[in-house]
């Protein structure tokens, strides 16, 4: 089965996102995520890669809505959620 150009680009994009979040996870510097409003999906995965997350009291919804559709988060959000909480 041959992959289409869009399939290859989406796989490459997911690998790049994972590498970026891994780099944040392993850097000796402190990474802080400020959550100002709704934080769902990829935005939450980015926030979970940070060392410290600061959210407004009424920041809105926080979650991984793709899980309700039976889709796993692209960059390991379910595994990161277990480590964070």
Protein backbone atom coordinates (compact mmCIF):
# COMPACT_ATOMS: atom_id res chain seq x y z
CA UNK A 1 0.00 0.00 0.00
CA UNK A 2 1.46 3.34 -1.02
CA UNK A 3 1.01 6.36 1.21
CA UNK A 4 -0.31 9.57 -0.24
CA UNK A 5 1.64 12.80 0.08
CA UNK A 6 -0.76 14.06 2.77
CA UNK A 7 -0.29 10.81 4.77
CA UNK A 8 3.48 11.19 4.65
CA UNK A 9 3.24 14.85 5.69
CA UNK A 10 0.94 14.05 8.62
CA UNK A 11 3.28 11.28 9.84
CA UNK A 12 6.28 13.59 9.54
CA UNK A 13 4.38 16.34 11.36
CA UNK A 14 3.45 13.99 14.22
CA UNK A 15 7.09 12.89 14.55
CA UNK A 16 8.23 16.52 14.66
CA UNK A 17 5.64 17.37 17.32
CA UNK A 18 6.70 14.38 19.42
CA UNK A 19 10.38 15.35 19.12
CA UNK A 20 9.59 18.91 20.19
CA UNK A 21 7.62 17.79 23.24
CA UNK A 22 10.35 15.28 24.13
CA UNK A 23 12.91 18.07 23.93
CA UNK A 24 10.81 20.13 26.36
CA UNK A 25 10.46 17.12 28.64
CA UNK A 26 14.21 16.49 28.83
CA UNK A 27 15.60 20.05 28.88
CA UNK A 28 17.38 21.11 32.09
CA UNK A 29 15.58 24.48 31.86
CA UNK A 30 12.25 25.11 33.54
CA UNK A 31 9.36 25.12 31.04
CA UNK A 32 6.19 26.93 32.19
CA UNK A 33 2.80 26.74 30.43
CA UNK A 34 0.24 29.49 31.05
CA UNK A 35 -3.34 28.33 30.43
CA UNK A 36 -5.54 31.35 29.84
CA UNK A 37 -8.70 29.84 28.31
CA UNK A 38 -9.86 26.44 27.00
CA UNK A 39 -7.00 23.97 26.69
CA UNK A 40 -7.95 20.86 24.73
CA UNK A 41 -6.29 18.38 22.40
CA UNK A 42 -2.87 19.37 21.15
CA UNK A 43 -2.79 22.48 23.32
CA UNK A 44 -3.20 20.36 26.44
CA UNK A 45 -0.52 17.97 25.24
CA UNK A 46 1.86 20.92 24.90
CA UNK A 47 0.91 22.14 28.40
CA UNK A 48 1.46 18.65 29.85
CA UNK A 49 4.98 18.60 28.40
CA UNK A 50 5.83 21.65 30.51
CA UNK A 51 7.29 21.34 34.01
CA UNK A 52 4.79 23.74 35.52
CA UNK A 53 1.26 24.61 34.41
CA UNK A 54 -0.49 27.76 35.62
CA UNK A 55 -4.16 28.28 34.79
CA UNK A 56 -6.67 31.01 35.51
CA UNK A 57 -9.31 30.10 38.05
CA UNK A 58 -12.02 30.21 35.35
CA UNK A 59 -9.79 29.00 32.51
CA UNK A 60 -12.50 26.92 30.86
CA UNK A 61 -12.43 23.31 29.72
CA UNK A 62 -9.28 21.22 29.92
CA UNK A 63 -9.20 17.78 28.32
CA UNK A 64 -8.51 15.44 25.44
CA UNK A 65 -11.81 15.36 23.50
CA UNK A 66 -10.47 13.02 20.81
CA UNK A 67 -10.53 10.18 23.37
CA UNK A 68 -14.37 10.37 23.40
CA UNK A 69 -14.26 9.61 19.66
CA UNK A 70 -12.05 6.55 20.15
CA UNK A 71 -8.97 8.31 18.78
CA UNK A 72 -5.70 8.30 20.71
CA UNK A 73 -4.01 11.68 21.18
CA UNK A 74 -1.26 12.17 18.60
CA UNK A 75 1.69 12.85 20.86
CA UNK A 76 1.05 10.54 23.79
CA UNK A 77 -1.40 12.70 25.74
CA UNK A 78 -2.93 9.77 27.59
CA UNK A 79 0.47 8.67 28.92
CA UNK A 80 1.44 12.24 29.82
CA UNK A 81 -1.84 12.75 31.70
CA UNK A 82 -1.04 9.83 34.01
CA UNK A 83 2.39 11.33 34.80
CA UNK A 84 0.99 14.83 35.39
CA UNK A 85 -1.97 13.99 37.59
